[in-house]
C-alpha cells in the first residue's frame, strides 16, 4: 500500500502495453505520490499525497 494517496485513495492501475505489432505485455500506471508535512488540527504530520490533490489545494502544507 505504498502508492496510495491518503486524500483521494488514488492507487496504481494495471493494463497492457501494446506495441506496433500488437504484442501485449503488462504494465502499471502509478500516481505521483509525494511525502508532505501536513497540518492536522493543531499538529503537523507526514502524509502521502498525490500531486493532483496538492495542486487542487485539498491539503494545507505545514
PDB file of N, CA and C in Angstrom:
ATOM      1  N   UNK A   1       0.826  -1.193   0.000  1.00  0.00           N
ATOM      2  CA  UNK A   1       0.000   0.000   0.000  1.00  0.00           C
ATOM      3  C   UNK A   1       0.871   1.258   0.000  1.00  0.00           C
ATOM      4  N   UNK A   2       2.034   1.178  -0.603  1.00  0.00           N
ATOM      5  CA  UNK A   2       2.937   2.310  -0.593  1.00  0.00           C
ATOM      6  C   UNK A   2       2.490   3.401  -1.561  1.00  0.00           C
ATOM      7  N   UNK A   3       1.891   3.020  -2.663  1.00  0.00           N
ATOM      8  CA  UNK A   3       1.498   4.009  -3.668  1.00  0.00           C
ATOM      9  C   UNK A   3       0.010   4.314  -3.592  1.00  0.00           C
ATOM     10  N   UNK A   4      -0.436   4.909  -2.491  1.00  0.00           N
ATOM     11  CA  UNK A   4      -1.841   5.278  -2.363  1.00  0.00           C
ATOM     12  C   UNK A   4      -1.928   6.664  -1.739  1.00  0.00           C
ATOM     13  N   UNK A   5      -2.739   7.527  -2.351  1.00  0.00           N
ATOM     14  CA  UNK A   5      -2.958   8.871  -1.827  1.00  0.00           C
ATOM     15  C   UNK A   5      -3.879   8.783  -0.610  1.00  0.00           C
ATOM     16  N   UNK A   6      -3.503   9.451   0.485  1.00  0.00           N
ATOM     17  CA  UNK A   6      -4.308   9.411   1.701  1.00  0.00           C
ATOM     18  C   UNK A   6      -5.558  10.289   1.585  1.00  0.00           C
ATOM     19  N   UNK A   7      -5.609  11.190   0.612  1.00  0.00           N
ATOM     20  CA  UNK A   7      -6.745  12.087   0.452  1.00  0.00           C
ATOM     21  C   UNK A   7      -7.794  11.493  -0.484  1.00  0.00           C
ATOM     22  N   UNK A   8      -7.397  11.147  -1.693  1.00  0.00           N
ATOM     23  CA  UNK A   8      -8.369  10.687  -2.691  1.00  0.00           C
ATOM     24  C   UNK A   8      -8.312   9.181  -2.953  1.00  0.00           C
ATOM     25  N   UNK A   9      -7.436   8.446  -2.266  1.00  0.00           N
ATOM     26  CA  UNK A   9      -7.292   6.989  -2.405  1.00  0.00           C
ATOM     27  C   UNK A   9      -6.880   6.563  -3.810  1.00  0.00           C
ATOM     28  N   UNK A  10      -6.180   7.436  -4.521  1.00  0.00           N
ATOM     29  CA  UNK A  10      -5.699   7.076  -5.851  1.00  0.00           C
ATOM     30  C   UNK A  10      -4.572   6.058  -5.695  1.00  0.00           C
ATOM     31  N   UNK A  11      -4.615   4.974  -6.485  1.00  0.00           N
ATOM     32  CA  UNK A  11      -3.607   3.928  -6.388  1.00  0.00           C
ATOM     33  C   UNK A  11      -3.254   3.429  -7.783  1.00  0.00           C
ATOM     34  N   UNK A  12      -2.232   2.567  -7.916  1.00  0.00           N
ATOM     35  CA  UNK A  12      -1.828   2.114  -9.240  1.00  0.00           C
ATOM     36  C   UNK A  12      -2.948   1.396  -9.989  1.00  0.00           C
ATOM     37  N   UNK A  13      -2.960   1.605 -11.308  1.00  0.00           N
ATOM     38  CA  UNK A  13      -3.892   0.880 -12.167  1.00  0.00           C
ATOM     39  C   UNK A  13      -3.070  -0.004 -13.095  1.00  0.00           C
ATOM     40  N   UNK A  14      -3.668  -1.086 -13.545  1.00  0.00           N
ATOM     41  CA  UNK A  14      -2.956  -2.074 -14.335  1.00  0.00           C
ATOM     42  C   UNK A  14      -3.597  -2.207 -15.702  1.00  0.00           C
ATOM     43  N   UNK A  15      -2.769  -2.534 -16.676  1.00  0.00           N
ATOM     44  CA  UNK A  15      -3.277  -2.699 -18.028  1.00  0.00           C
ATOM     45  C   UNK A  15      -2.243  -3.367 -18.906  1.00  0.00           C
ATOM     46  N   UNK A  16      -2.367  -3.187 -20.197  1.00  0.00           N
ATOM     47  CA  UNK A  16      -1.462  -3.807 -21.160  1.00  0.00           C
ATOM     48  C   UNK A  16      -0.761  -2.747 -21.989  1.00  0.00           C
ATOM     49  N   UNK A  17       0.512  -2.977 -22.235  1.00  0.00           N
ATOM     50  CA  UNK A  17       1.271  -2.162 -23.170  1.00  0.00           C
ATOM     51  C   UNK A  17       1.151  -2.852 -24.521  1.00  0.00           C
ATOM     52  N   UNK A  18       0.757  -2.111 -25.557  1.00  0.00           N
ATOM     53  CA  UNK A  18       0.534  -2.697 -26.878  1.00  0.00           C
ATOM     54  C   UNK A  18       1.538  -2.096 -27.845  1.00  0.00           C
ATOM     55  N   UNK A  19       2.351  -2.941 -28.481  1.00  0.00           N
ATOM     56  CA  UNK A  19       3.358  -2.475 -29.431  1.00  0.00           C
ATOM     57  C   UNK A  19       2.735  -2.268 -30.806  1.00  0.00           C
ATOM     58  N   UNK A  20       3.533  -1.814 -31.727  1.00  0.00           N
ATOM     59  CA  UNK A  20       3.063  -1.590 -33.097  1.00  0.00           C
ATOM     60  C   UNK A  20       2.588  -2.890 -33.728  1.00  0.00           C
ATOM     61  N   UNK A  21       3.238  -4.018 -33.382  1.00  0.00           N
ATOM     62  CA  UNK A  21       2.832  -5.316 -33.923  1.00  0.00           C
ATOM     63  C   UNK A  21       1.770  -5.989 -33.065  1.00  0.00           C
ATOM     64  N   UNK A  22       1.191  -5.246 -32.124  1.00  0.00           N
ATOM     65  CA  UNK A  22       0.119  -5.683 -31.231  1.00  0.00           C
ATOM     66  C   UNK A  22       0.522  -6.803 -30.278  1.00  0.00           C
ATOM     67  N   UNK A  23       1.830  -6.896 -29.976  1.00  0.00           N
ATOM     68  CA  UNK A  23       2.236  -7.762 -28.872  1.00  0.00           C
ATOM     69  C   UNK A  23       1.807  -7.065 -27.590  1.00  0.00           C
ATOM     70  N   UNK A  24       1.334  -7.837 -26.625  1.00  0.00           N
ATOM     71  CA  UNK A  24       0.834  -7.235 -25.386  1.00  0.00           C
ATOM     72  C   UNK A  24       1.661  -7.711 -24.207  1.00  0.00           C
ATOM     73  N   UNK A  25       2.000  -6.774 -23.337  1.00  0.00           N
ATOM     74  CA  UNK A  25       2.677  -7.110 -22.089  1.00  0.00           C
ATOM     75  C   UNK A  25       2.123  -6.221 -20.984  1.00  0.00           C
ATOM     76  N   UNK A  26       2.212  -6.699 -19.762  1.00  0.00           N
ATOM     77  CA  UNK A  26       1.618  -5.996 -18.627  1.00  0.00           C
ATOM     78  C   UNK A  26       2.408  -4.742 -18.273  1.00  0.00           C
ATOM     79  N   UNK A  27       1.704  -3.744 -17.757  1.00  0.00           N
ATOM     80  CA  UNK A  27       2.344  -2.537 -17.256  1.00  0.00           C
ATOM     81  C   UNK A  27       1.460  -1.908 -16.193  1.00  0.00           C
ATOM     82  N   UNK A  28       2.018  -0.965 -15.434  1.00  0.00           N
ATOM     83  CA  UNK A  28       1.261  -0.274 -14.400  1.00  0.00           C
ATOM     84  C   UNK A  28       1.382   1.224 -14.595  1.00  0.00           C
ATOM     85  N   UNK A  29       0.347   1.937 -14.204  1.00  0.00           N
ATOM     86  CA  UNK A  29       0.361   3.387 -14.163  1.00  0.00           C
ATOM     87  C   UNK A  29       0.312   3.772 -12.695  1.00  0.00           C
ATOM     88  N   UNK A  30       1.385   4.369 -12.191  1.00  0.00           N
ATOM     89  CA  UNK A  30       1.428   4.721 -10.776  1.00  0.00           C
ATOM     90  C   UNK A  30       1.189   6.215 -10.605  1.00  0.00           C
ATOM     91  N   UNK A  31       0.430   6.617  -9.592  1.00  0.00           N
ATOM     92  CA  UNK A  31       0.202   8.035  -9.337  1.00  0.00           C
ATOM     93  C   UNK A  31       1.467   8.681  -8.775  1.00  0.00           C
ATOM     94  N   UNK A  32       1.595   9.977  -8.972  1.00  0.00           N
ATOM     95  CA  UNK A  32       2.751  10.718  -8.481  1.00  0.00           C
ATOM     96  C   UNK A  32       2.507  11.063  -7.009  1.00  0.00           C
ATOM     97  N   UNK A  33       3.038  10.229  -6.112  1.00  0.00           N
ATOM     98  CA  UNK A  33       2.822  10.375  -4.677  1.00  0.00           C
ATOM     99  C   UNK A  33       4.019  11.072  -4.055  1.00  0.00           C
ATOM    100  N   UNK A  34       3.746  12.081  -3.232  1.00  0.00           N
ATOM    101  CA  UNK A  34       4.798  12.830  -2.534  1.00  0.00           C
ATOM    102  C   UNK A  34       4.564  12.728  -1.032  1.00  0.00           C
ATOM    103  N   UNK A  35       5.666  12.639  -0.269  1.00  0.00           N
ATOM    104  CA  UNK A  35       5.555  12.721   1.182  1.00  0.00           C
ATOM    105  C   UNK A  35       5.587  14.199   1.557  1.00  0.00           C
ATOM    106  N   UNK A  36       4.563  14.669   2.259  1.00  0.00           N
ATOM    107  CA  UNK A  36       4.412  16.093   2.547  1.00  0.00           C
ATOM    108  C   UNK A  36       4.079  16.270   4.020  1.00  0.00           C
ATOM    109  N   UNK A  37       4.623  17.307   4.644  1.00  0.00           N
ATOM    110  CA  UNK A  37       4.234  17.653   6.004  1.00  0.00           C
ATOM    111  C   UNK A  37       2.918  18.414   5.928  1.00  0.00           C
ATOM    112  N   UNK A  38       1.905  17.910   6.632  1.00  0.00           N
ATOM    113  CA  UNK A  38       0.542  18.411   6.520  1.00  0.00           C
ATOM    114  C   UNK A  38       0.070  18.888   7.882  1.00  0.00           C
ATOM    115  N   UNK A  39      -0.674  20.011   7.884  1.00  0.00           N
ATOM    116  CA  UNK A  39      -1.303  20.460   9.119  1.00  0.00           C
ATOM    117  C   UNK A  39      -2.484  19.556   9.412  1.00  0.00           C
ATOM    118  N   UNK A  40      -2.507  19.008  10.633  1.00  0.00           N
ATOM    119  CA  UNK A  40      -3.576  18.101  11.049  1.00  0.00           C
ATOM    120  C   UNK A  40      -4.074  18.592  12.399  1.00  0.00           C
ATOM    121  N   UNK A  41      -5.086  19.440  12.373  1.00  0.00           N
ATOM    122  CA  UNK A  41      -5.551  20.074  13.603  1.00  0.00           C
ATOM    123  C   UNK A  41      -4.526  21.101  14.065  1.00  0.00           C
ATOM    124  N   UNK A  42      -4.025  20.952  15.285  1.00  0.00           N
ATOM    125  CA  UNK A  42      -3.008  21.883  15.781  1.00  0.00           C
ATOM    126  C   UNK A  42      -1.597  21.328  15.575  1.00  0.00           C
ATOM    127  N   UNK A  43      -1.467  20.046  15.190  1.00  0.00           N
ATOM    128  CA  UNK A  43      -0.144  19.463  14.969  1.00  0.00           C
ATOM    129  C   UNK A  43       0.148  19.350  13.484  1.00  0.00           C
ATOM    130  N   UNK A  44       1.348  18.873  13.194  1.00  0.00           N
ATOM    131  CA  UNK A  44       1.717  18.552  11.814  1.00  0.00           C
ATOM    132  C   UNK A  44       2.068  17.074  11.765  1.00  0.00           C
ATOM    133  N   UNK A  45       1.832  16.479  10.604  1.00  0.00           N
ATOM    134  CA  UNK A  45       2.204  15.085  10.411  1.00  0.00           C
ATOM    135  C   UNK A  45       2.592  14.884   8.961  1.00  0.00           C
ATOM    136  N   UNK A  46       3.250  13.769   8.683  1.00  0.00           N
ATOM    137  CA  UNK A  46       3.668  13.477   7.328  1.00  0.00           C
ATOM    138  C   UNK A  46       2.602  12.628   6.655  1.00  0.00           C
ATOM    139  N   UNK A  47       2.260  12.964   5.418  1.00  0.00           N
ATOM    140  CA  UNK A  47       1.234  12.230   4.691  1.00  0.00           C
ATOM    141  C   UNK A  47       1.708  11.960   3.266  1.00  0.00           C
ATOM    142  N   UNK A  48       1.197  10.883   2.693  1.00  0.00           N
ATOM    143  CA  UNK A  48       1.468  10.564   1.286  1.00  0.00           C
ATOM    144  C   UNK A  48       0.309  11.100   0.467  1.00  0.00           C
ATOM    145  N   UNK A  49       0.594  12.097  -0.371  1.00  0.00           N
ATOM    146  CA  UNK A  49      -0.455  12.803  -1.112  1.00  0.00           C
ATOM    147  C   UNK A  49      -0.056  12.860  -2.576  1.00  0.00           C
ATOM    148  N   UNK A  50      -1.031  12.674  -3.474  1.00  0.00           N
ATOM    149  CA  UNK A  50      -0.740  12.777  -4.906  1.00  0.00           C
ATOM    150  C   UNK A  50      -0.644  14.255  -5.299  1.00  0.00           C
ATOM    151  N   UNK A  51       0.049  14.516  -6.375  1.00  0.00           N
ATOM    152  CA  UNK A  51       0.301  15.894  -6.783  1.00  0.00           C
ATOM    153  C   UNK A  51      -0.965  16.596  -7.246  1.00  0.00           C
ATOM    154  N   UNK A  52      -1.963  15.846  -7.737  1.00  0.00           N
ATOM    155  CA  UNK A  52      -3.205  16.499  -8.152  1.00  0.00           C
ATOM    156  C   UNK A  52      -3.964  17.033  -6.939  1.00  0.00           C
ATOM    157  N   UNK A  53      -3.884  16.354  -5.784  1.00  0.00           N
ATOM    158  CA  UNK A  53      -4.508  16.864  -4.568  1.00  0.00           C
ATOM    159  C   UNK A  53      -3.748  18.075  -4.028  1.00  0.00           C
ATOM    160  N   UNK A  54      -2.416  18.049  -4.151  1.00  0.00           N
ATOM    161  CA  UNK A  54      -1.612  19.199  -3.732  1.00  0.00           C
ATOM    162  C   UNK A  54      -1.951  20.430  -4.566  1.00  0.00           C
ATOM    163  N   UNK A  55      -2.043  20.242  -5.857  1.00  0.00           N
ATOM    164  CA  UNK A  55      -2.323  21.342  -6.782  1.00  0.00           C
ATOM    165  C   UNK A  55      -3.738  21.906  -6.575  1.00  0.00           C
ATOM    166  N   UNK A  56      -4.687  21.014  -6.255  1.00  0.00           N
ATOM    167  CA  UNK A  56      -6.080  21.428  -6.061  1.00  0.00           C
ATOM    168  C   UNK A  56      -6.287  22.121  -4.714  1.00  0.00           C
ATOM    169  N   UNK A  57      -5.295  22.054  -3.828  1.00  0.00           N
ATOM    170  CA  UNK A  57      -5.419  22.720  -2.539  1.00  0.00           C
ATOM    171  C   UNK A  57      -6.228  21.931  -1.521  1.00  0.00           C
ATOM    172  N   UNK A  58      -6.329  20.620  -1.704  1.00  0.00           N
ATOM    173  CA  UNK A  58      -7.079  19.789  -0.760  1.00  0.00           C
ATOM    174  C   UNK A  58      -6.320  19.582   0.548  1.00  0.00           C
ATOM    175  N   UNK A  59      -5.016  19.897   0.541  1.00  0.00           N
ATOM    176  CA  UNK A  59      -4.160  19.699   1.702  1.00  0.00           C
ATOM    177  C   UNK A  59      -3.466  21.014   2.020  1.00  0.00           C
ATOM    178  N   UNK A  60      -3.380  21.348   3.301  1.00  0.00           N
ATOM    179  CA  UNK A  60      -2.663  22.548   3.711  1.00  0.00           C
ATOM    180  C   UNK A  60      -1.273  22.144   4.189  1.00  0.00           C
ATOM    181  N   UNK A  61      -0.243  22.565   3.449  1.00  0.00           N
ATOM    182  CA  UNK A  61       1.125  22.210   3.798  1.00  0.00           C
ATOM    183  C   UNK A  61       1.587  22.981   5.027  1.00  0.00           C
ATOM    184  N   UNK A  62       2.439  22.338   5.807  1.00  0.00           N
ATOM    185  CA  UNK A  62       2.969  22.964   7.020  1.00  0.00           C
ATOM    186  C   UNK A  62       4.370  23.502   6.765  1.00  0.00           C
TER     187      UNK A  62
END
